[in-house]
C-alpha atoms as a PDB file:
ATOM      1  CA  MET A   1     -98.245 -57.159   5.588  1.00  0.00           C
ATOM      2  CA  ALA A   2     -96.607 -60.115   6.203  1.00  0.00           C
ATOM      3  CA  PHE A   3     -93.876 -59.402   3.509  1.00  0.00           C
ATOM      4  CA  SER A   4     -93.918 -55.797   4.726  1.00  0.00           C
ATOM      5  CA  PHE A   5     -92.814 -56.783   8.550  1.00  0.00           C
ATOM      6  CA  PHE A   6     -90.384 -59.132   6.789  1.00  0.00           C
ATOM      7  CA  VAL A   7     -88.720 -56.374   5.062  1.00  0.00           C
ATOM      8  CA  VAL A   8     -89.110 -54.198   8.327  1.00  0.00           C
ATOM      9  CA  LEU A   9     -87.524 -56.841  10.348  1.00  0.00           C
ATOM     10  CA  LEU A  10     -84.612 -57.365   7.906  1.00  0.00           C
ATOM     11  CA  LEU A  11     -83.752 -53.765   7.849  1.00  0.00           C
ATOM     12  CA  PHE A  12     -83.804 -53.670  11.677  1.00  0.00           C
ATOM     13  CA  LEU A  13     -81.373 -56.752  11.763  1.00  0.00           C
ATOM     14  CA  SER A  14     -79.101 -55.359   9.357  1.00  0.00           C
ATOM     15  CA  GLY A  15     -79.020 -52.360  11.314  1.00  0.00           C
ATOM     16  CA  VAL A  16     -77.792 -54.194  14.192  1.00  0.00           C
ATOM     17  CA  SER A  17     -75.107 -56.321  12.662  1.00  0.00           C
ATOM     18  CA  SER A  18     -73.546 -53.130  10.917  1.00  0.00           C
ATOM     19  CA  SER A  19     -73.325 -51.543  14.662  1.00  0.00           C
ATOM     20  CA  GLU A  20     -71.095 -54.221  15.588  1.00  0.00           C
ATOM     21  CA  PRO A  21     -67.610 -54.013  15.903  1.00  0.00           C
ATOM     22  CA  LYS A  22     -66.002 -55.084  12.533  1.00  0.00           C
ATOM     23  CA  LEU A  23     -62.559 -56.541  13.914  1.00  0.00           C
ATOM     24  CA  ASN A  24     -60.673 -58.821  12.073  1.00  0.00           C
ATOM     25  CA  ALA A  25     -57.274 -60.558  12.006  1.00  0.00           C
ATOM     26  CA  LYS A  26     -56.156 -58.966   8.508  1.00  0.00           C
ATOM     27  CA  TYR A  27     -57.306 -55.197   9.930  1.00  0.00           C
ATOM     28  CA  TYR A  28     -53.989 -53.848   9.281  1.00  0.00           C
ATOM     29  CA  GLN A  29     -53.096 -55.964   6.223  1.00  0.00           C
ATOM     30  CA  LYS A  30     -53.084 -52.539   3.801  1.00  0.00           C
ATOM     31  CA  SER A  31     -52.503 -49.896   6.284  1.00  0.00           C
ATOM     32  CA  CYS A  32     -49.765 -51.078   8.206  1.00  0.00           C
ATOM     33  CA  PRO A  33     -48.207 -54.238   6.060  1.00  0.00           C
ATOM     34  CA  ASN A  34     -45.312 -54.637   8.189  1.00  0.00           C
ATOM     35  CA  LEU A  35     -47.254 -54.915  11.625  1.00  0.00           C
ATOM     36  CA  GLU A  36     -46.497 -58.703  12.411  1.00  0.00           C
ATOM     37  CA  ARG A  37     -42.826 -58.646  11.625  1.00  0.00           C
ATOM     38  CA  ILE A  38     -42.336 -55.245  13.579  1.00  0.00           C
ATOM     39  CA  MET A  39     -44.197 -56.698  16.807  1.00  0.00           C
ATOM     40  CA  GLN A  40     -42.312 -60.040  16.545  1.00  0.00           C
ATOM     41  CA  ASP A  41     -39.003 -58.106  16.436  1.00  0.00           C
ATOM     42  CA  VAL A  42     -40.226 -56.343  19.283  1.00  0.00           C
ATOM     43  CA  VAL A  43     -41.557 -58.721  21.436  1.00  0.00           C
ATOM     44  CA  THR A  44     -38.659 -61.333  20.872  1.00  0.00           C
ATOM     45  CA  THR A  45     -35.950 -58.975  21.850  1.00  0.00           C
ATOM     46  CA  LYS A  46     -37.381 -57.840  24.984  1.00  0.00           C
ATOM     47  CA  GLN A  47     -38.436 -60.961  26.114  1.00  0.00           C
ATOM     48  CA  ILE A  48     -34.693 -62.615  25.670  1.00  0.00           C
ATOM     49  CA  ASN A  49     -33.446 -59.390  27.536  1.00  0.00           C
ATOM     50  CA  ASN A  50     -36.370 -59.286  30.135  1.00  0.00           C
ATOM     51  CA  PRO A  51     -37.770 -63.037  30.782  1.00  0.00           C
ATOM     52  CA  THR A  52     -40.442 -61.711  32.866  1.00  0.00           C
ATOM     53  CA  THR A  53     -42.262 -59.751  30.223  1.00  0.00           C
ATOM     54  CA  ALA A  54     -44.432 -62.187  29.043  1.00  0.00           C
ATOM     55  CA  ALA A  55     -46.096 -62.529  32.281  1.00  0.00           C
ATOM     56  CA  GLY A  56     -46.141 -58.990  33.111  1.00  0.00           C
ATOM     57  CA  THR A  57     -47.819 -58.607  29.670  1.00  0.00           C
ATOM     58  CA  LEU A  58     -50.421 -61.027  30.592  1.00  0.00           C
ATOM     59  CA  ARG A  59     -51.193 -59.245  33.919  1.00  0.00           C
ATOM     60  CA  LEU A  60     -51.077 -55.916  32.483  1.00  0.00           C
ATOM     61  CA  PHE A  61     -53.701 -56.755  29.338  1.00  0.00           C
ATOM     62  CA  PHE A  62     -56.108 -58.675  32.017  1.00  0.00           C
ATOM     63  CA  HIS A  63     -56.086 -55.674  34.297  1.00  0.00           C
ATOM     64  CA  ASP A  64     -56.564 -53.470  31.020  1.00  0.00           C
ATOM     65  CA  CYS A  65     -59.404 -55.682  29.790  1.00  0.00           C
ATOM     66  CA  MET A  66     -61.310 -56.097  33.113  1.00  0.00           C
ATOM     67  CA  VAL A  67     -61.541 -52.321  33.674  1.00  0.00           C
ATOM     68  CA  HIS A  68     -64.397 -51.360  31.193  1.00  0.00           C
ATOM     69  CA  GLY A  69     -62.523 -53.063  28.367  1.00  0.00           C
ATOM     70  CA  CYS A  70     -59.638 -53.701  26.127  1.00  0.00           C
ATOM     71  CA  ASP A  71     -58.862 -49.936  25.432  1.00  0.00           C
ATOM     72  CA  ALA A  72     -55.406 -49.265  26.755  1.00  0.00           C
ATOM     73  CA  SER A  73     -56.573 -47.175  29.331  1.00  0.00           C
ATOM     74  CA  VAL A  74     -54.452 -48.753  31.706  1.00  0.00           C
ATOM     75  CA  LEU A  75     -51.405 -47.283  29.919  1.00  0.00           C
ATOM     76  CA  ILE A  76     -52.206 -43.644  30.461  1.00  0.00           C
ATOM     77  CA  SER A  77     -49.822 -41.988  32.766  1.00  0.00           C
ATOM     78  CA  SER A  78     -51.539 -39.359  35.339  1.00  0.00           C
ATOM     79  CA  ASN A  79     -51.198 -35.937  35.234  1.00  0.00           C
ATOM     80  CA  ALA A  80     -52.144 -32.769  37.208  1.00  0.00           C
ATOM     81  CA  PHE A  81     -56.050 -33.095  36.036  1.00  0.00           C
ATOM     82  CA  ASN A  82     -56.234 -36.679  36.477  1.00  0.00           C
ATOM     83  CA  LYS A  83     -55.227 -39.981  38.396  1.00  0.00           C
ATOM     84  CA  ALA A  84     -55.269 -42.767  35.957  1.00  0.00           C
ATOM     85  CA  GLU A  85     -55.739 -46.322  35.928  1.00  0.00           C
ATOM     86  CA  ARG A  86     -52.138 -47.252  36.507  1.00  0.00           C
ATOM     87  CA  ASP A  87     -51.885 -45.373  39.993  1.00  0.00           C
ATOM     88  CA  ALA A  88     -54.749 -46.948  41.358  1.00  0.00           C
ATOM     89  CA  ASP A  89     -53.609 -49.124  44.370  1.00  0.00           C
ATOM     90  CA  ILE A  90     -54.090 -52.576  42.957  1.00  0.00           C
ATOM     91  CA  ASN A  91     -52.222 -51.813  39.558  1.00  0.00           C
ATOM     92  CA  LEU A  92     -49.134 -50.081  41.475  1.00  0.00           C
ATOM     93  CA  SER A  93     -47.218 -53.190  41.131  1.00  0.00           C
ATOM     94  CA  LEU A  94     -48.049 -53.920  37.519  1.00  0.00           C
ATOM     95  CA  PRO A  95     -44.287 -54.618  35.845  1.00  0.00           C
ATOM     96  CA  GLY A  96     -42.110 -51.652  34.310  1.00  0.00           C
ATOM     97  CA  ASP A  97     -41.101 -54.330  31.438  1.00  0.00           C
ATOM     98  CA  ALA A  98     -45.015 -54.873  30.461  1.00  0.00           C
ATOM     99  CA  PHE A  99     -45.393 -50.738  29.671  1.00  0.00           C
ATOM    100  CA  ASP A 100     -41.965 -50.640  28.177  1.00  0.00           C
ATOM    101  CA  LEU A 101     -42.764 -53.434  25.462  1.00  0.00           C
ATOM    102  CA  VAL A 102     -45.713 -51.355  24.407  1.00  0.00           C
ATOM    103  CA  ILE A 103     -43.867 -47.808  24.335  1.00  0.00           C
ATOM    104  CA  ARG A 104     -40.939 -50.058  22.224  1.00  0.00           C
ATOM    105  CA  ALA A 105     -43.754 -51.424  19.898  1.00  0.00           C
ATOM    106  CA  LYS A 106     -45.726 -48.014  19.445  1.00  0.00           C
ATOM    107  CA  THR A 107     -42.563 -46.262  18.982  1.00  0.00           C
ATOM    108  CA  SER A 108     -41.390 -48.588  15.958  1.00  0.00           C
ATOM    109  CA  LEU A 109     -44.910 -48.743  14.656  1.00  0.00           C
ATOM    110  CA  GLU A 110     -45.196 -45.183  14.417  1.00  0.00           C
ATOM    111  CA  LEU A 111     -41.836 -45.055  12.405  1.00  0.00           C
ATOM    112  CA  ASN A 112     -43.209 -47.417   9.948  1.00  0.00           C
ATOM    113  CA  CYS A 113     -47.003 -46.637   9.962  1.00  0.00           C
ATOM    114  CA  PRO A 114     -47.643 -43.260  11.486  1.00  0.00           C
ATOM    115  CA  GLY A 115     -51.018 -42.755  13.144  1.00  0.00           C
ATOM    116  CA  VAL A 116     -52.508 -46.475  12.266  1.00  0.00           C
ATOM    117  CA  VAL A 117     -52.287 -48.804  15.036  1.00  0.00           C
ATOM    118  CA  SER A 118     -53.805 -48.218  17.980  1.00  0.00           C
ATOM    119  CA  CYS A 119     -52.025 -49.328  21.832  1.00  0.00           C
ATOM    120  CA  ALA A 120     -55.005 -51.648  22.555  1.00  0.00           C
ATOM    121  CA  ASP A 121     -54.461 -53.596  19.582  1.00  0.00           C
ATOM    122  CA  ILE A 122     -50.572 -53.564  20.544  1.00  0.00           C
ATOM    123  CA  LEU A 123     -51.254 -54.982  23.743  1.00  0.00           C
ATOM    124  CA  ALA A 124     -53.572 -57.604  22.962  1.00  0.00           C
ATOM    125  CA  MET A 125     -51.197 -58.964  19.968  1.00  0.00           C
ATOM    126  CA  ALA A 126     -48.080 -58.588  22.464  1.00  0.00           C
ATOM    127  CA  THR A 127     -49.968 -60.514  24.960  1.00  0.00           C
ATOM    128  CA  ARG A 128     -50.686 -63.319  22.379  1.00  0.00           C
ATOM    129  CA  ASP A 129     -47.082 -63.186  20.727  1.00  0.00           C
ATOM    130  CA  LEU A 130     -45.314 -63.621  24.294  1.00  0.00           C
ATOM    131  CA  ILE A 131     -47.461 -66.292  25.886  1.00  0.00           C
ATOM    132  CA  THR A 132     -46.773 -68.265  22.501  1.00  0.00           C
ATOM    133  CA  MET A 133     -43.152 -67.437  23.065  1.00  0.00           C
ATOM    134  CA  VAL A 134     -42.762 -69.068  26.422  1.00  0.00           C
ATOM    135  CA  GLY A 135     -44.867 -72.580  25.238  1.00  0.00           C
ATOM    136  CA  GLY A 136     -48.485 -71.296  25.468  1.00  0.00           C
ATOM    137  CA  PRO A 137     -50.771 -71.520  22.754  1.00  0.00           C
ATOM    138  CA  TYR A 138     -51.509 -69.466  19.858  1.00  0.00           C
ATOM    139  CA  TYR A 139     -54.600 -67.770  19.454  1.00  0.00           C
ATOM    140  CA  GLU A 140     -56.362 -65.651  16.928  1.00  0.00           C
ATOM    141  CA  VAL A 141     -56.306 -61.924  17.929  1.00  0.00           C
ATOM    142  CA  ARG A 142     -59.079 -59.890  15.705  1.00  0.00           C
ATOM    143  CA  MET A 143     -57.625 -56.030  15.282  1.00  0.00           C
ATOM    144  CA  GLY A 144     -59.353 -52.636  15.029  1.00  0.00           C
ATOM    145  CA  ARG A 145     -59.687 -51.629  18.639  1.00  0.00           C
ATOM    146  CA  LYS A 146     -59.637 -47.797  19.637  1.00  0.00           C
ATOM    147  CA  ASP A 147     -57.938 -46.727  22.411  1.00  0.00           C
ATOM    148  CA  GLY A 148     -60.017 -45.136  25.128  1.00  0.00           C
ATOM    149  CA  LEU A 149     -60.667 -41.843  25.802  1.00  0.00           C
ATOM    150  CA  ILE A 150     -61.125 -42.356  29.863  1.00  0.00           C
ATOM    151  CA  SER A 151     -58.505 -43.554  32.205  1.00  0.00           C
ATOM    152  CA  GLN A 152     -59.172 -43.083  36.130  1.00  0.00           C
ATOM    153  CA  ALA A 153     -58.040 -44.939  39.259  1.00  0.00           C
ATOM    154  CA  SER A 154     -61.553 -44.565  40.589  1.00  0.00           C
ATOM    155  CA  ARG A 155     -62.954 -47.008  37.993  1.00  0.00           C
ATOM    156  CA  VAL A 156     -60.687 -49.592  38.993  1.00  0.00           C
ATOM    157  CA  GLU A 157     -61.942 -50.478  42.533  1.00  0.00           C
ATOM    158  CA  GLY A 158     -64.530 -53.775  42.137  1.00  0.00           C
ATOM    159  CA  ASN A 159     -62.982 -54.209  38.682  1.00  0.00           C
ATOM    160  CA  LEU A 160     -60.441 -56.583  39.173  1.00  0.00           C
ATOM    161  CA  PRO A 161     -60.326 -59.789  41.498  1.00  0.00           C
ATOM    162  CA  LYS A 162     -58.145 -59.901  44.701  1.00  0.00           C
ATOM    163  CA  VAL A 163     -56.007 -62.664  46.236  1.00  0.00           C
ATOM    164  CA  ASN A 164     -58.315 -63.125  49.136  1.00  0.00           C
ATOM    165  CA  MET A 165     -61.584 -63.577  47.582  1.00  0.00           C
ATOM    166  CA  THR A 166     -63.530 -66.575  48.512  1.00  0.00           C
ATOM    167  CA  ILE A 167     -64.405 -68.848  45.611  1.00  0.00           C
ATOM    168  CA  ASP A 168     -68.034 -67.620  45.867  1.00  0.00           C
ATOM    169  CA  GLN A 169     -66.662 -64.288  45.528  1.00  0.00           C
ATOM    170  CA  LEU A 170     -64.623 -65.243  42.465  1.00  0.00           C
ATOM    171  CA  ILE A 171     -67.087 -67.134  40.896  1.00  0.00           C
ATOM    172  CA  THR A 172     -69.633 -63.999  41.337  1.00  0.00           C
ATOM    173  CA  PHE A 173     -67.201 -61.718  40.063  1.00  0.00           C
ATOM    174  CA  PHE A 174     -66.137 -63.644  36.796  1.00  0.00           C
ATOM    175  CA  ALA A 175     -69.815 -64.255  36.074  1.00  0.00           C
ATOM    176  CA  ALA A 176     -70.472 -60.350  36.215  1.00  0.00           C
ATOM    177  CA  LYS A 177     -67.723 -60.118  33.785  1.00  0.00           C
ATOM    178  CA  GLY A 178     -69.314 -62.896  31.370  1.00  0.00           C
ATOM    179  CA  PHE A 179     -66.997 -65.878  32.150  1.00  0.00           C
ATOM    180  CA  ASN A 180     -68.349 -68.844  33.600  1.00  0.00           C
ATOM    181  CA  ILE A 181     -66.564 -71.026  36.131  1.00  0.00           C
ATOM    182  CA  GLN A 182     -64.325 -73.080  33.305  1.00  0.00           C
ATOM    183  CA  GLU A 183     -63.455 -70.105  31.792  1.00  0.00           C
ATOM    184  CA  MET A 184     -62.078 -68.449  35.403  1.00  0.00           C
ATOM    185  CA  VAL A 185     -60.462 -71.970  36.083  1.00  0.00           C
ATOM    186  CA  ALA A 186     -58.743 -71.797  32.636  1.00  0.00           C
ATOM    187  CA  LEU A 187     -57.712 -68.019  32.843  1.00  0.00           C
ATOM    188  CA  SER A 188     -56.231 -68.793  36.161  1.00  0.00           C
ATOM    189  CA  GLY A 189     -53.919 -71.165  34.469  1.00  0.00           C
ATOM    190  CA  GLY A 190     -52.002 -67.476  33.438  1.00  0.00           C
ATOM    191  CA  HIS A 191     -50.659 -68.275  36.947  1.00  0.00           C
ATOM    192  CA  THR A 192     -48.220 -71.029  35.322  1.00  0.00           C
ATOM    193  CA  ILE A 193     -45.759 -68.186  34.400  1.00  0.00           C
ATOM    194  CA  GLY A 194     -44.493 -65.007  36.593  1.00  0.00           C
ATOM    195  CA  PHE A 195     -44.412 -63.843  40.190  1.00  0.00           C
ATOM    196  CA  SER A 196     -46.249 -62.542  43.250  1.00  0.00           C
ATOM    197  CA  HIS A 197     -45.076 -59.931  45.529  1.00  0.00           C
ATOM    198  CA  CYS A 198     -44.869 -60.936  49.283  1.00  0.00           C
ATOM    199  CA  ASN A 199     -47.563 -59.138  50.728  1.00  0.00           C
ATOM    200  CA  GLU A 200     -50.231 -60.907  48.315  1.00  0.00           C
ATOM    201  CA  PHE A 201     -49.773 -63.943  50.283  1.00  0.00           C
ATOM    202  CA  SER A 202     -47.823 -63.169  53.501  1.00  0.00           C
ATOM    203  CA  ASP A 203     -51.150 -63.681  55.121  1.00  0.00           C
ATOM    204  CA  ARG A 204     -50.859 -67.506  54.500  1.00  0.00           C
ATOM    205  CA  ILE A 205     -47.038 -67.686  55.898  1.00  0.00           C
ATOM    206  CA  PHE A 206     -47.062 -65.186  58.995  1.00  0.00           C
ATOM    207  CA  ASN A 207     -49.340 -65.229  61.623  1.00  0.00           C
ATOM    208  CA  PHE A 208     -51.811 -67.437  60.036  1.00  0.00           C
ATOM    209  CA  SER A 209     -53.994 -68.258  62.852  1.00  0.00           C
ATOM    210  CA  SER A 210     -54.059 -68.595  66.327  1.00  0.00           C
ATOM    211  CA  ALA A 211     -53.495 -72.580  65.883  1.00  0.00           C
ATOM    212  CA  SER A 212     -50.755 -72.135  63.051  1.00  0.00           C
ATOM    213  CA  GLU A 213     -48.377 -69.566  62.266  1.00  0.00           C
ATOM    214  CA  VAL A 214     -48.867 -71.105  58.621  1.00  0.00           C
ATOM    215  CA  ASP A 215     -51.648 -71.963  56.256  1.00  0.00           C
ATOM    216  CA  PRO A 216     -51.640 -75.725  56.977  1.00  0.00           C
ATOM    217  CA  SER A 217     -52.868 -76.396  53.220  1.00  0.00           C
ATOM    218  CA  LEU A 218     -49.704 -74.857  52.073  1.00  0.00           C
ATOM    219  CA  ASN A 219     -47.146 -78.088  51.455  1.00  0.00           C
ATOM    220  CA  PRO A 220     -44.257 -77.459  54.669  1.00  0.00           C
ATOM    221  CA  LYS A 221     -41.345 -77.331  52.762  1.00  0.00           C
ATOM    222  CA  PHE A 222     -42.633 -74.787  50.435  1.00  0.00           C
ATOM    223  CA  ALA A 223     -44.373 -72.655  52.907  1.00  0.00           C
ATOM    224  CA  ALA A 224     -40.794 -72.734  54.955  1.00  0.00           C
ATOM    225  CA  ALA A 225     -39.240 -71.517  51.811  1.00  0.00           C
ATOM    226  CA  LEU A 226     -41.622 -68.303  51.378  1.00  0.00           C
ATOM    227  CA  LYS A 227     -40.839 -67.726  54.676  1.00  0.00           C
ATOM    228  CA  LYS A 228     -37.254 -67.242  54.091  1.00  0.00           C
ATOM    229  CA  VAL A 229     -38.174 -65.483  50.762  1.00  0.00           C
ATOM    230  CA  CYS A 230     -40.202 -63.023  52.383  1.00  0.00           C
ATOM    231  CA  ALA A 231     -38.492 -62.350  55.583  1.00  0.00           C
ATOM    232  CA  ASN A 232     -38.129 -58.801  55.015  1.00  0.00           C
ATOM    233  CA  PHE A 233     -41.187 -58.042  52.920  1.00  0.00           C
ATOM    234  CA  GLN A 234     -42.412 -55.236  55.039  1.00  0.00           C
ATOM    235  CA  ARG A 235     -38.986 -53.441  54.498  1.00  0.00           C
ATOM    236  CA  ASP A 236     -38.304 -54.717  50.933  1.00  0.00           C
ATOM    237  CA  THR A 237     -41.738 -54.545  49.387  1.00  0.00           C
ATOM    238  CA  GLY A 238     -40.255 -55.708  46.078  1.00  0.00           C
ATOM    239  CA  MET A 239     -39.879 -59.205  47.362  1.00  0.00           C
ATOM    240  CA  SER A 240     -41.669 -61.888  45.699  1.00  0.00           C
ATOM    241  CA  ALA A 241     -41.996 -65.625  44.648  1.00  0.00           C
ATOM    242  CA  PHE A 242     -42.780 -67.496  41.530  1.00  0.00           C
ATOM    243  CA  ASN A 243     -46.433 -68.343  40.888  1.00  0.00           C
ATOM    244  CA  ASP A 244     -45.509 -71.715  39.629  1.00  0.00           C
ATOM    245  CA  VAL A 245     -42.421 -72.971  41.733  1.00  0.00           C
ATOM    246  CA  MET A 246     -41.610 -75.806  39.410  1.00  0.00           C
ATOM    247  CA  THR A 247     -41.687 -74.393  35.860  1.00  0.00           C
ATOM    248  CA  PRO A 248     -41.894 -70.628  36.386  1.00  0.00           C
ATOM    249  CA  ASN A 249     -40.725 -69.670  32.765  1.00  0.00           C
ATOM    250  CA  LYS A 250     -42.714 -72.068  30.932  1.00  0.00           C
ATOM    251  CA  PHE A 251     -46.380 -71.896  30.100  1.00  0.00           C
ATOM    252  CA  ASP A 252     -47.683 -75.379  30.802  1.00  0.00           C
ATOM    253  CA  ASN A 253     -50.214 -77.065  33.011  1.00  0.00           C
ATOM    254  CA  MET A 254     -47.848 -77.493  35.924  1.00  0.00           C
ATOM    255  CA  TYR A 255     -49.881 -74.933  37.760  1.00  0.00           C
ATOM    256  CA  TYR A 256     -52.669 -77.155  38.160  1.00  0.00           C
ATOM    257  CA  GLN A 257     -50.748 -80.052  39.169  1.00  0.00           C
ATOM    258  CA  ASN A 258     -49.197 -77.906  41.855  1.00  0.00           C
ATOM    259  CA  LEU A 259     -52.487 -77.050  43.512  1.00  0.00           C
ATOM    260  CA  PRO A 260     -53.217 -80.450  45.119  1.00  0.00           C
ATOM    261  CA  ARG A 261     -49.776 -80.779  46.379  1.00  0.00           C
ATOM    262  CA  GLY A 262     -50.335 -77.512  48.499  1.00  0.00           C
ATOM    263  CA  LEU A 263     -47.877 -75.446  45.856  1.00  0.00           C
ATOM    264  CA  GLY A 264     -50.521 -72.881  44.904  1.00  0.00           C
ATOM    265  CA  LEU A 265     -49.170 -69.420  45.996  1.00  0.00           C
ATOM    266  CA  LEU A 266     -52.186 -67.319  46.282  1.00  0.00           C
ATOM    267  CA  ARG A 267     -55.100 -68.013  48.417  1.00  0.00           C
ATOM    268  CA  SER A 268     -57.255 -67.638  45.531  1.00  0.00           C
ATOM    269  CA  ASP A 269     -55.271 -70.348  43.807  1.00  0.00           C
ATOM    270  CA  HIS A 270     -55.895 -72.791  46.493  1.00  0.00           C
ATOM    271  CA  VAL A 271     -59.387 -72.573  46.370  1.00  0.00           C
ATOM    272  CA  LEU A 272     -59.850 -73.889  43.075  1.00  0.00           C
ATOM    273  CA  VAL A 273     -58.793 -77.383  44.161  1.00  0.00           C
ATOM    274  CA  THR A 274     -61.146 -77.509  47.214  1.00  0.00           C
ATOM    275  CA  ASP A 275     -64.510 -76.715  45.574  1.00  0.00           C
ATOM    276  CA  PRO A 276     -66.446 -79.025  43.980  1.00  0.00           C
ATOM    277  CA  ARG A 277     -67.536 -76.461  41.186  1.00  0.00           C
ATOM    278  CA  THR A 278     -63.870 -75.837  39.965  1.00  0.00           C
ATOM    279  CA  LYS A 279     -61.998 -78.921  41.066  1.00  0.00           C
ATOM    280  CA  PRO A 280     -63.217 -80.829  38.513  1.00  0.00           C
ATOM    281  CA  PHE A 281     -61.442 -78.633  35.782  1.00  0.00           C
ATOM    282  CA  VAL A 282     -58.255 -78.138  38.192  1.00  0.00           C
ATOM    283  CA  GLU A 283     -57.932 -82.058  37.770  1.00  0.00           C
ATOM    284  CA  LEU A 284     -58.899 -81.945  33.895  1.00  0.00           C
ATOM    285  CA  TYR A 285     -56.246 -79.411  33.093  1.00  0.00           C
ATOM    286  CA  ALA A 286     -53.318 -81.062  35.670  1.00  0.00           C
ATOM    287  CA  THR A 287     -53.924 -84.327  33.211  1.00  0.00           C
ATOM    288  CA  ASN A 288     -54.552 -83.010  30.024  1.00  0.00           C
ATOM    289  CA  TYR A 289     -52.825 -79.866  29.025  1.00  0.00           C
ATOM    290  CA  LYS A 290     -54.311 -79.891  25.520  1.00  0.00           C
ATOM    291  CA  ALA A 291     -57.592 -79.497  27.109  1.00  0.00           C
ATOM    292  CA  PHE A 292     -56.015 -76.410  29.166  1.00  0.00           C
ATOM    293  CA  PHE A 293     -54.342 -74.896  26.114  1.00  0.00           C
ATOM    294  CA  THR A 294     -57.581 -75.032  23.961  1.00  0.00           C
ATOM    295  CA  ASP A 295     -59.909 -73.736  26.835  1.00  0.00           C
ATOM    296  CA  PHE A 296     -57.313 -71.129  27.845  1.00  0.00           C
ATOM    297  CA  ALA A 297     -56.916 -69.760  23.768  1.00  0.00           C
ATOM    298  CA  ARG A 298     -60.870 -69.543  23.725  1.00  0.00           C
ATOM    299  CA  ALA A 299     -61.304 -67.713  26.992  1.00  0.00           C
ATOM    300  CA  MET A 300     -58.372 -65.308  25.637  1.00  0.00           C
ATOM    301  CA  GLU A 301     -60.087 -64.278  22.594  1.00  0.00           C
ATOM    302  CA  LYS A 302     -63.246 -63.881  24.816  1.00  0.00           C
ATOM    303  CA  LEU A 303     -61.178 -61.598  26.899  1.00  0.00           C
ATOM    304  CA  SER A 304     -59.586 -59.697  24.425  1.00  0.00           C
ATOM    305  CA  LEU A 305     -63.292 -58.583  22.941  1.00  0.00           C
ATOM    306  CA  ARG A 306     -64.242 -57.362  26.237  1.00  0.00           C
ATOM    307  CA  ASP A 307     -66.284 -53.624  25.583  1.00  0.00           C
ATOM    308  CA  ILE A 308     -63.681 -52.758  22.917  1.00  0.00           C
ATOM    309  CA  LYS A 309     -63.857 -49.049  21.600  1.00  0.00           C
ATOM    310  CA  THR A 310     -64.355 -48.791  18.017  1.00  0.00           C
ATOM    311  CA  ASP A 311     -64.844 -45.859  15.513  1.00  0.00           C
ATOM    312  CA  GLN A 312     -65.873 -42.690  17.240  1.00  0.00           C
ATOM    313  CA  GLU A 313     -65.537 -44.271  20.712  1.00  0.00           C
ATOM    314  CA  GLY A 314     -62.253 -44.103  20.783  1.00  0.00           C
ATOM    315  CA  GLU A 315     -58.803 -42.728  18.845  1.00  0.00           C
ATOM    316  CA  VAL A 316     -55.393 -43.974  17.954  1.00  0.00           C
ATOM    317  CA  ARG A 317     -53.156 -42.628  20.271  1.00  0.00           C
ATOM    318  CA  HIS A 318     -49.723 -40.718  19.016  1.00  0.00           C
ATOM    319  CA  ARG A 319     -48.468 -42.083  22.294  1.00  0.00           C
ATOM    320  CA  CYS A 320     -49.723 -45.023  24.708  1.00  0.00           C
ATOM    321  CA  ASP A 321     -49.357 -43.165  27.773  1.00  0.00           C
ATOM    322  CA  SER A 322     -51.131 -39.998  27.213  1.00  0.00           C
ATOM    323  CA  PHE A 323     -54.422 -39.072  25.457  1.00  0.00           C
ATOM    324  CA  ASN A 324     -54.104 -37.000  22.031  1.00  0.00           C
ATOM    325  CA  SER A 325     -55.431 -34.096  23.899  1.00  0.00           C
ATOM    326  CA  ILE A 326     -55.278 -33.405  27.680  1.00  0.00           C
ATOM    327  CA  LYS A 327     -58.216 -34.576  29.428  1.00  0.00           C
ATOM    328  CA  THR A 328     -58.979 -32.331  32.647  1.00  0.00           C
END
């Protein structure tokens, strides 16, 4: 009886493990052996010509993975039958250079190994390569994702953090996505590169309260400079400022060093240094870049595996901006 139960248990466990995603770093070794070379060529050329590509691609990847998994659903264009994810209000500011990079990579790969490499894997790999290129940590990207079959703007709301969230709301949001507080603070370090549009922090520099025109937690000189940059932001919606004013194009730990100095651009940045649950990690990463790189790399590996699609759950798109068949 005991032996029979043991056999049944083994069969059950083997069935569970066989249904788990079979991703690995060498997934395309035989089917597309030139993948890494092609990706490196495309990514390097794009980043050299457009230095904001790294930050834009990291943001695009985050927005993709947080909304029902890393399945390239954010790349889909809307059509007459469907308003896609990329047209949700919070995604309208996603940078065109990031979309363009994926399209260029997909085009090159289709010429070399047609119908093999998914757009989801392209975006995951490009993000890692770009982070490394601008000075950040290298981490393993396991391959084998399929591209999602659904992309709807209505699915975005509530699945992405907002800049005006309180620290309690941020912690709750990331916990619901499977990330603990330390991982949340580490992922926030992605703001060490890139920029934010003025409308994302205008409430900190214009009419902050009846007692103060600007947020008193901001460095006064920094606040004054931001007011000049964003003076006409309501007419010119493209106005923006660097997330890390000190080393905006270098992936380092300066973001954390900036926070206690009042140089955190977004409200969601500043709250990390004011709460006892998050402040210790800010202080750790500010003084120990190796600890930040290690934790960021681990968090990115975890992010890259969120709710991925495999086998019949998805497809390998011919074009990254459209499904292989029209969804109505």
